[in-house]
Amino acid sequence: MRLVVDASISVVEPLKQARADLAPALARLRQDTWIVPALWWFEVRNALVVNERRGRLTTQALEMALGELSQAAVTIDRMPDETMIIDLARRHRLTVYDAAYLELALRERLDLATLDASLAEAARREGVAVIGDPA
């Protein structure tokens, strides 16, 4: 199956933030094909580098995380609907970055994996199923 995956949940395992309540979501991430907006590539790497700077992640762990991510079945979507993204950002008071994930889930009619509470709430309001729901 395919699933829209945002950066917040993509870095859970490398940062050792896995909680028991996330086990089903992480299991699904391991078996599904991910579809992500192009900004995901940058967001994930930024999160890893920032956490390395803060001492939460070693250089070796960062490199290992990147290696694992490169093995994931990830499709990068490069055709966002700009009008819809702006509308979603306005309507739900999301960043344009978060609205890009929601737009992709809506356009492709897919579930959304996220740990971002605002994005999850907006997704639920739009009728999108949320995996890893922080609520």
N, C-alpha and C. Protein backbone atom coordinates (compact mmCIF):
# COMPACT_ATOMS: atom_id res chain seq x y z
N MET A 1 0.83 -1.19 0.00
CA MET A 1 0.00 0.00 0.00
C MET A 1 0.88 1.25 0.00
N ARG A 2 0.28 2.34 -0.43
CA ARG A 2 0.99 3.63 -0.43
C ARG A 2 0.49 4.48 0.73
N LEU A 3 1.35 5.37 1.17
CA LEU A 3 1.07 6.18 2.34
C LEU A 3 1.85 7.49 2.22
N VAL A 4 1.21 8.62 2.52
CA VAL A 4 1.93 9.89 2.58
C VAL A 4 2.60 9.96 3.95
N VAL A 5 3.91 10.23 3.95
CA VAL A 5 4.69 10.23 5.19
C VAL A 5 5.35 11.59 5.36
N ASP A 6 5.16 12.21 6.53
CA ASP A 6 5.81 13.50 6.75
C ASP A 6 7.12 13.31 7.50
N ALA A 7 7.88 14.37 7.61
CA ALA A 7 9.21 14.30 8.21
C ALA A 7 9.16 13.97 9.69
N SER A 8 8.12 14.42 10.40
CA SER A 8 8.07 14.21 11.85
C SER A 8 8.11 12.74 12.23
N ILE A 9 7.45 11.90 11.47
CA ILE A 9 7.42 10.48 11.79
C ILE A 9 8.58 9.73 11.12
N SER A 10 9.15 10.33 10.10
CA SER A 10 10.26 9.70 9.38
C SER A 10 11.52 9.58 10.23
N VAL A 11 11.68 10.46 11.21
CA VAL A 11 12.91 10.49 12.00
C VAL A 11 12.74 9.91 13.41
N VAL A 12 11.61 9.30 13.68
CA VAL A 12 11.34 8.75 15.02
C VAL A 12 12.37 7.70 15.41
N GLU A 13 12.58 6.73 14.56
CA GLU A 13 13.49 5.63 14.92
C GLU A 13 14.94 6.10 15.06
N PRO A 14 15.48 6.88 14.13
CA PRO A 14 16.87 7.32 14.31
C PRO A 14 17.08 8.12 15.60
N LEU A 15 16.06 8.85 16.02
CA LEU A 15 16.18 9.66 17.23
C LEU A 15 15.81 8.89 18.48
N LYS A 16 15.51 7.60 18.32
CA LYS A 16 15.17 6.74 19.46
C LYS A 16 13.97 7.30 20.23
N GLN A 17 13.01 7.83 19.49
CA GLN A 17 11.81 8.39 20.11
C GLN A 17 10.62 7.43 20.05
N ALA A 18 10.88 6.20 19.63
CA ALA A 18 9.79 5.25 19.49
C ALA A 18 9.11 5.02 20.83
N ARG A 19 7.82 5.12 20.82
CA ARG A 19 7.01 4.85 22.00
C ARG A 19 6.16 3.63 21.69
N ALA A 20 5.72 2.96 22.72
CA ALA A 20 4.91 1.75 22.53
C ALA A 20 3.67 2.04 21.69
N ASP A 21 3.06 3.21 21.88
CA ASP A 21 1.85 3.53 21.14
C ASP A 21 2.11 3.77 19.65
N LEU A 22 3.37 3.94 19.28
CA LEU A 22 3.71 4.14 17.87
C LEU A 22 4.06 2.85 17.14
N ALA A 23 4.14 1.75 17.87
CA ALA A 23 4.55 0.48 17.26
C ALA A 23 3.73 0.12 16.02
N PRO A 24 2.40 0.20 16.06
CA PRO A 24 1.64 -0.14 14.84
C PRO A 24 1.94 0.80 13.67
N ALA A 25 2.09 2.08 13.95
CA ALA A 25 2.40 3.05 12.89
C ALA A 25 3.76 2.76 12.28
N LEU A 26 4.75 2.50 13.12
CA LEU A 26 6.09 2.23 12.61
C LEU A 26 6.14 0.93 11.82
N ALA A 27 5.37 -0.06 12.26
CA ALA A 27 5.29 -1.32 11.51
C ALA A 27 4.71 -1.06 10.12
N ARG A 28 3.69 -0.23 10.05
CA ARG A 28 3.10 0.09 8.74
C ARG A 28 4.09 0.84 7.86
N LEU A 29 4.85 1.75 8.46
CA LEU A 29 5.85 2.49 7.68
C LEU A 29 6.88 1.56 7.06
N ARG A 30 7.22 0.50 7.78
CA ARG A 30 8.22 -0.44 7.27
C ARG A 30 7.72 -1.25 6.08
N GLN A 31 6.41 -1.41 5.96
CA GLN A 31 5.90 -2.25 4.88
C GLN A 31 5.27 -1.49 3.72
N ASP A 32 4.89 -0.25 3.91
CA ASP A 32 4.22 0.51 2.86
C ASP A 32 5.22 1.27 1.99
N THR A 33 4.76 1.65 0.82
CA THR A 33 5.50 2.53 -0.07
C THR A 33 5.15 3.96 0.32
N TRP A 34 6.16 4.79 0.48
CA TRP A 34 5.94 6.17 0.89
C TRP A 34 5.84 7.06 -0.34
N ILE A 35 4.93 8.03 -0.26
CA ILE A 35 4.90 9.09 -1.25
C ILE A 35 5.01 10.39 -0.46
N VAL A 36 5.91 11.25 -0.89
CA VAL A 36 6.23 12.45 -0.13
C VAL A 36 6.37 13.64 -1.07
N PRO A 37 6.06 14.85 -0.57
CA PRO A 37 6.37 16.04 -1.38
C PRO A 37 7.89 16.24 -1.41
N ALA A 38 8.36 16.95 -2.40
CA ALA A 38 9.81 17.13 -2.57
C ALA A 38 10.47 17.74 -1.34
N LEU A 39 9.77 18.55 -0.59
CA LEU A 39 10.37 19.19 0.58
C LEU A 39 10.73 18.19 1.67
N TRP A 40 10.14 17.00 1.66
CA TRP A 40 10.42 15.97 2.66
C TRP A 40 11.92 15.66 2.75
N TRP A 41 12.56 15.56 1.57
CA TRP A 41 13.99 15.24 1.52
C TRP A 41 14.78 16.22 2.37
N PHE A 42 14.47 17.50 2.25
CA PHE A 42 15.19 18.54 2.98
C PHE A 42 14.80 18.55 4.46
N GLU A 43 13.51 18.40 4.74
CA GLU A 43 13.05 18.42 6.13
C GLU A 43 13.66 17.30 6.97
N VAL A 44 13.71 16.10 6.41
CA VAL A 44 14.27 14.97 7.14
C VAL A 44 15.74 15.21 7.43
N ARG A 45 16.49 15.62 6.46
CA ARG A 45 17.92 15.84 6.65
C ARG A 45 18.17 17.00 7.60
N ASN A 46 17.35 18.03 7.54
CA ASN A 46 17.49 19.14 8.48
C ASN A 46 17.23 18.67 9.90
N ALA A 47 16.18 17.87 10.11
CA ALA A 47 15.87 17.36 11.45
C ALA A 47 17.03 16.53 11.99
N LEU A 48 17.61 15.70 11.14
CA LEU A 48 18.73 14.87 11.59
C LEU A 48 19.96 15.71 11.93
N VAL A 49 20.28 16.67 11.10
CA VAL A 49 21.46 17.52 11.36
C VAL A 49 21.25 18.37 12.62
N VAL A 50 20.07 18.93 12.78
CA VAL A 50 19.79 19.73 13.98
C VAL A 50 19.93 18.87 15.23
N ASN A 51 19.41 17.65 15.18
CA ASN A 51 19.52 16.77 16.34
C ASN A 51 20.95 16.30 16.57
N GLU A 52 21.74 16.19 15.52
CA GLU A 52 23.17 15.89 15.69
C GLU A 52 23.85 17.05 16.40
N ARG A 53 23.55 18.28 15.98
CA ARG A 53 24.13 19.47 16.62
C ARG A 53 23.78 19.54 18.10
N ARG A 54 22.57 19.14 18.43
CA ARG A 54 22.10 19.22 19.82
C ARG A 54 22.55 18.02 20.66
N GLY A 55 23.31 17.13 20.06
CA GLY A 55 23.85 15.99 20.79
C GLY A 55 22.87 14.85 21.00
N ARG A 56 21.75 14.87 20.32
CA ARG A 56 20.76 13.80 20.44
C ARG A 56 21.02 12.65 19.48
N LEU A 57 21.95 12.88 18.55
CA LEU A 57 22.22 11.91 17.50
C LEU A 57 23.71 11.99 17.17
N THR A 58 24.36 10.86 17.10
CA THR A 58 25.78 10.85 16.73
C THR A 58 25.89 10.95 15.21
N THR A 59 27.07 11.30 14.76
CA THR A 59 27.32 11.35 13.32
C THR A 59 27.10 9.98 12.70
N GLN A 60 27.53 8.94 13.39
CA GLN A 60 27.34 7.58 12.89
C GLN A 60 25.85 7.24 12.81
N ALA A 61 25.09 7.62 13.81
CA ALA A 61 23.65 7.34 13.80
C ALA A 61 22.96 8.10 12.67
N LEU A 62 23.40 9.34 12.42
CA LEU A 62 22.84 10.13 11.32
C LEU A 62 23.11 9.43 9.99
N GLU A 63 24.33 9.00 9.79
CA GLU A 63 24.69 8.32 8.53
C GLU A 63 23.90 7.02 8.38
N MET A 64 23.72 6.30 9.47
CA MET A 64 22.96 5.06 9.44
C MET A 64 21.49 5.36 9.09
N ALA A 65 20.96 6.41 9.68
CA ALA A 65 19.56 6.79 9.40
C ALA A 65 19.39 7.13 7.93
N LEU A 66 20.33 7.87 7.37
CA LEU A 66 20.25 8.21 5.95
C LEU A 66 20.33 6.96 5.09
N GLY A 67 21.17 6.01 5.49
CA GLY A 67 21.27 4.76 4.76
C GLY A 67 19.97 3.98 4.80
N GLU A 68 19.34 3.94 5.97
CA GLU A 68 18.05 3.24 6.11
C GLU A 68 16.97 3.93 5.29
N LEU A 69 16.95 5.26 5.33
CA LEU A 69 15.95 5.99 4.55
C LEU A 69 16.14 5.77 3.05
N SER A 70 17.39 5.63 2.63
CA SER A 70 17.65 5.41 1.20
C SER A 70 17.14 4.04 0.76
N GLN A 71 16.94 3.12 1.71
CA GLN A 71 16.43 1.79 1.40
C GLN A 71 14.90 1.75 1.38
N ALA A 72 14.26 2.76 1.95
CA ALA A 72 12.79 2.80 1.99
C ALA A 72 12.26 3.02 0.57
N ALA A 73 11.09 2.50 0.34
CA ALA A 73 10.43 2.70 -0.96
C ALA A 73 9.74 4.06 -0.93
N VAL A 74 10.46 5.08 -1.38
CA VAL A 74 9.97 6.46 -1.33
C VAL A 74 9.80 7.00 -2.74
N THR A 75 8.62 7.51 -3.02
CA THR A 75 8.36 8.20 -4.28
C THR A 75 8.21 9.68 -3.95
N ILE A 76 8.97 10.51 -4.64
CA ILE A 76 8.89 11.95 -4.41
C ILE A 76 7.94 12.55 -5.43
N ASP A 77 6.89 13.19 -4.92
CA ASP A 77 5.90 13.84 -5.77
C ASP A 77 6.38 15.25 -6.09
N ARG A 78 6.41 15.57 -7.35
CA ARG A 78 6.89 16.89 -7.77
C ARG A 78 5.80 17.72 -8.47
N MET A 79 4.55 17.32 -8.28
CA MET A 79 3.46 18.00 -8.98
C MET A 79 2.38 18.50 -8.01
N PRO A 80 2.74 19.32 -7.04
CA PRO A 80 1.74 19.78 -6.08
C PRO A 80 0.71 20.71 -6.73
N ASP A 81 -0.45 20.75 -6.13
CA ASP A 81 -1.51 21.66 -6.56
C ASP A 81 -1.39 22.92 -5.71
N GLU A 82 -0.75 23.94 -6.27
CA GLU A 82 -0.45 25.17 -5.54
C GLU A 82 -1.70 25.81 -4.94
N THR A 83 -2.76 25.88 -5.71
CA THR A 83 -3.99 26.51 -5.24
C THR A 83 -4.53 25.78 -4.02
N MET A 84 -4.53 24.46 -4.09
CA MET A 84 -5.05 23.67 -2.97
C MET A 84 -4.16 23.81 -1.73
N ILE A 85 -2.86 23.84 -1.92
CA ILE A 85 -1.95 24.00 -0.79
C ILE A 85 -2.20 25.32 -0.08
N ILE A 86 -2.30 26.39 -0.83
CA ILE A 86 -2.54 27.71 -0.23
C ILE A 86 -3.88 27.71 0.49
N ASP A 87 -4.90 27.13 -0.14
CA ASP A 87 -6.23 27.06 0.48
C ASP A 87 -6.18 26.28 1.80
N LEU A 88 -5.52 25.12 1.80
CA LEU A 88 -5.42 24.31 3.02
C LEU A 88 -4.64 25.05 4.11
N ALA A 89 -3.56 25.72 3.73
CA ALA A 89 -2.77 26.48 4.70
C ALA A 89 -3.61 27.58 5.34
N ARG A 90 -4.38 28.27 4.54
CA ARG A 90 -5.23 29.34 5.06
C ARG A 90 -6.35 28.79 5.95
N ARG A 91 -7.04 27.79 5.42
CA ARG A 91 -8.22 27.26 6.10
C ARG A 91 -7.89 26.62 7.44
N HIS A 92 -6.75 25.93 7.51
CA HIS A 92 -6.39 25.20 8.73
C HIS A 92 -5.26 25.85 9.52
N ARG A 93 -4.82 27.03 9.05
CA ARG A 93 -3.73 27.76 9.71
C ARG A 93 -2.47 26.90 9.82
N LEU A 94 -2.16 26.21 8.72
CA LEU A 94 -0.97 25.37 8.63
C LEU A 94 0.15 26.13 7.94
N THR A 95 1.38 25.67 8.14
CA THR A 95 2.46 26.17 7.30
C THR A 95 2.22 25.63 5.89
N VAL A 96 2.78 26.27 4.92
CA VAL A 96 2.68 25.78 3.55
C VAL A 96 3.34 24.40 3.46
N TYR A 97 4.40 24.21 4.25
CA TYR A 97 5.08 22.91 4.26
C TYR A 97 4.13 21.80 4.69
N ASP A 98 3.43 22.01 5.81
CA ASP A 98 2.50 20.99 6.29
C ASP A 98 1.31 20.83 5.34
N ALA A 99 0.85 21.93 4.78
CA ALA A 99 -0.26 21.85 3.83
C ALA A 99 0.12 21.03 2.60
N ALA A 100 1.40 21.01 2.24
CA ALA A 100 1.85 20.21 1.10
C ALA A 100 1.63 18.71 1.35
N TYR A 101 1.86 18.26 2.58
CA TYR A 101 1.61 16.86 2.91
C TYR A 101 0.12 16.54 2.85
N LEU A 102 -0.69 17.44 3.38
CA LEU A 102 -2.14 17.22 3.37
C LEU A 102 -2.68 17.25 1.95
N GLU A 103 -2.21 18.19 1.15
CA GLU A 103 -2.65 18.26 -0.25
C GLU A 103 -2.34 16.97 -0.99
N LEU A 104 -1.16 16.44 -0.76
CA LEU A 104 -0.76 15.19 -1.41
C LEU A 104 -1.65 14.03 -0.98
N ALA A 105 -1.93 13.94 0.32
CA ALA A 105 -2.81 12.88 0.81
C ALA A 105 -4.21 13.01 0.21
N LEU A 106 -4.71 14.22 0.13
CA LEU A 106 -6.04 14.43 -0.46
C LEU A 106 -6.05 14.10 -1.95
N ARG A 107 -5.06 14.60 -2.67
CA ARG A 107 -5.00 14.40 -4.12
C ARG A 107 -4.85 12.93 -4.48
N GLU A 108 -4.04 12.21 -3.72
CA GLU A 108 -3.79 10.79 -4.02
C GLU A 108 -4.75 9.85 -3.29
N ARG A 109 -5.60 10.44 -2.44
CA ARG A 109 -6.56 9.66 -1.62
C ARG A 109 -5.84 8.60 -0.79
N LEU A 110 -4.85 9.06 -0.02
CA LEU A 110 -4.04 8.17 0.80
C LEU A 110 -4.08 8.60 2.27
N ASP A 111 -3.76 7.67 3.16
CA ASP A 111 -3.60 7.99 4.57
C ASP A 111 -2.34 8.83 4.74
N LEU A 112 -2.28 9.54 5.87
CA LEU A 112 -1.15 10.42 6.16
C LEU A 112 -0.50 9.97 7.47
N ALA A 113 0.80 9.72 7.45
CA ALA A 113 1.55 9.38 8.66
C ALA A 113 2.24 10.64 9.16
N THR A 114 1.90 11.05 10.38
CA THR A 114 2.48 12.26 10.96
C THR A 114 2.41 12.20 12.48
N LEU A 115 3.30 12.92 13.12
CA LEU A 115 3.24 13.13 14.56
C LEU A 115 2.95 14.59 14.87
N ASP A 116 2.70 15.38 13.85
CA ASP A 116 2.42 16.80 14.00
C ASP A 116 0.94 16.98 14.34
N ALA A 117 0.64 17.50 15.53
CA ALA A 117 -0.74 17.60 16.00
C ALA A 117 -1.61 18.49 15.12
N SER A 118 -1.09 19.63 14.69
CA SER A 118 -1.88 20.55 13.86
C SER A 118 -2.19 19.93 12.50
N LEU A 119 -1.19 19.27 11.92
CA LEU A 119 -1.39 18.62 10.64
C LEU A 119 -2.37 17.46 10.77
N ALA A 120 -2.24 16.68 11.84
CA ALA A 120 -3.16 15.56 12.05
C ALA A 120 -4.60 16.05 12.21
N GLU A 121 -4.78 17.12 12.97
CA GLU A 121 -6.13 17.66 13.17
C GLU A 121 -6.71 18.15 11.84
N ALA A 122 -5.92 18.86 11.07
CA ALA A 122 -6.39 19.34 9.75
C ALA A 122 -6.74 18.16 8.85
N ALA A 123 -5.91 17.13 8.88
CA ALA A 123 -6.17 15.94 8.05
C ALA A 123 -7.49 15.30 8.46
N ARG A 124 -7.71 15.15 9.75
CA ARG A 124 -8.98 14.56 10.21
C ARG A 124 -10.16 15.40 9.74
N ARG A 125 -10.03 16.73 9.83
CA ARG A 125 -11.13 17.61 9.37
C ARG A 125 -11.39 17.46 7.88
N GLU A 126 -10.36 17.10 7.13
CA GLU A 126 -10.50 16.92 5.69
C GLU A 126 -10.88 15.47 5.33
N GLY A 127 -11.06 14.63 6.33
CA GLY A 127 -11.45 13.24 6.08
C GLY A 127 -10.31 12.31 5.73
N VAL A 128 -9.07 12.71 6.04
CA VAL A 128 -7.90 11.88 5.77
C VAL A 128 -7.57 11.08 7.02
N ALA A 129 -7.39 9.78 6.88
CA ALA A 129 -6.99 8.94 8.00
C ALA A 129 -5.55 9.25 8.39
N VAL A 130 -5.29 9.30 9.69
CA VAL A 130 -3.96 9.65 10.20
C VAL A 130 -3.35 8.43 10.87
N ILE A 131 -2.12 8.12 10.47
CA ILE A 131 -1.33 7.04 11.05
C ILE A 131 -0.32 7.66 11.99
N GLY A 132 -0.19 7.12 13.21
CA GLY A 132 0.72 7.71 14.19
C GLY A 132 0.10 8.91 14.86
N ASP A 133 -1.21 8.98 14.82
CA ASP A 133 -1.99 10.12 15.30
C ASP A 133 -1.53 10.60 16.67
N PRO A 134 -1.08 11.85 16.75
CA PRO A 134 -0.61 12.39 18.03
C PRO A 134 -1.73 12.78 18.99
N ALA A 135 -2.98 12.71 18.54
CA ALA A 135 -4.10 13.14 19.39
C ALA A 135 -4.43 12.14 20.47
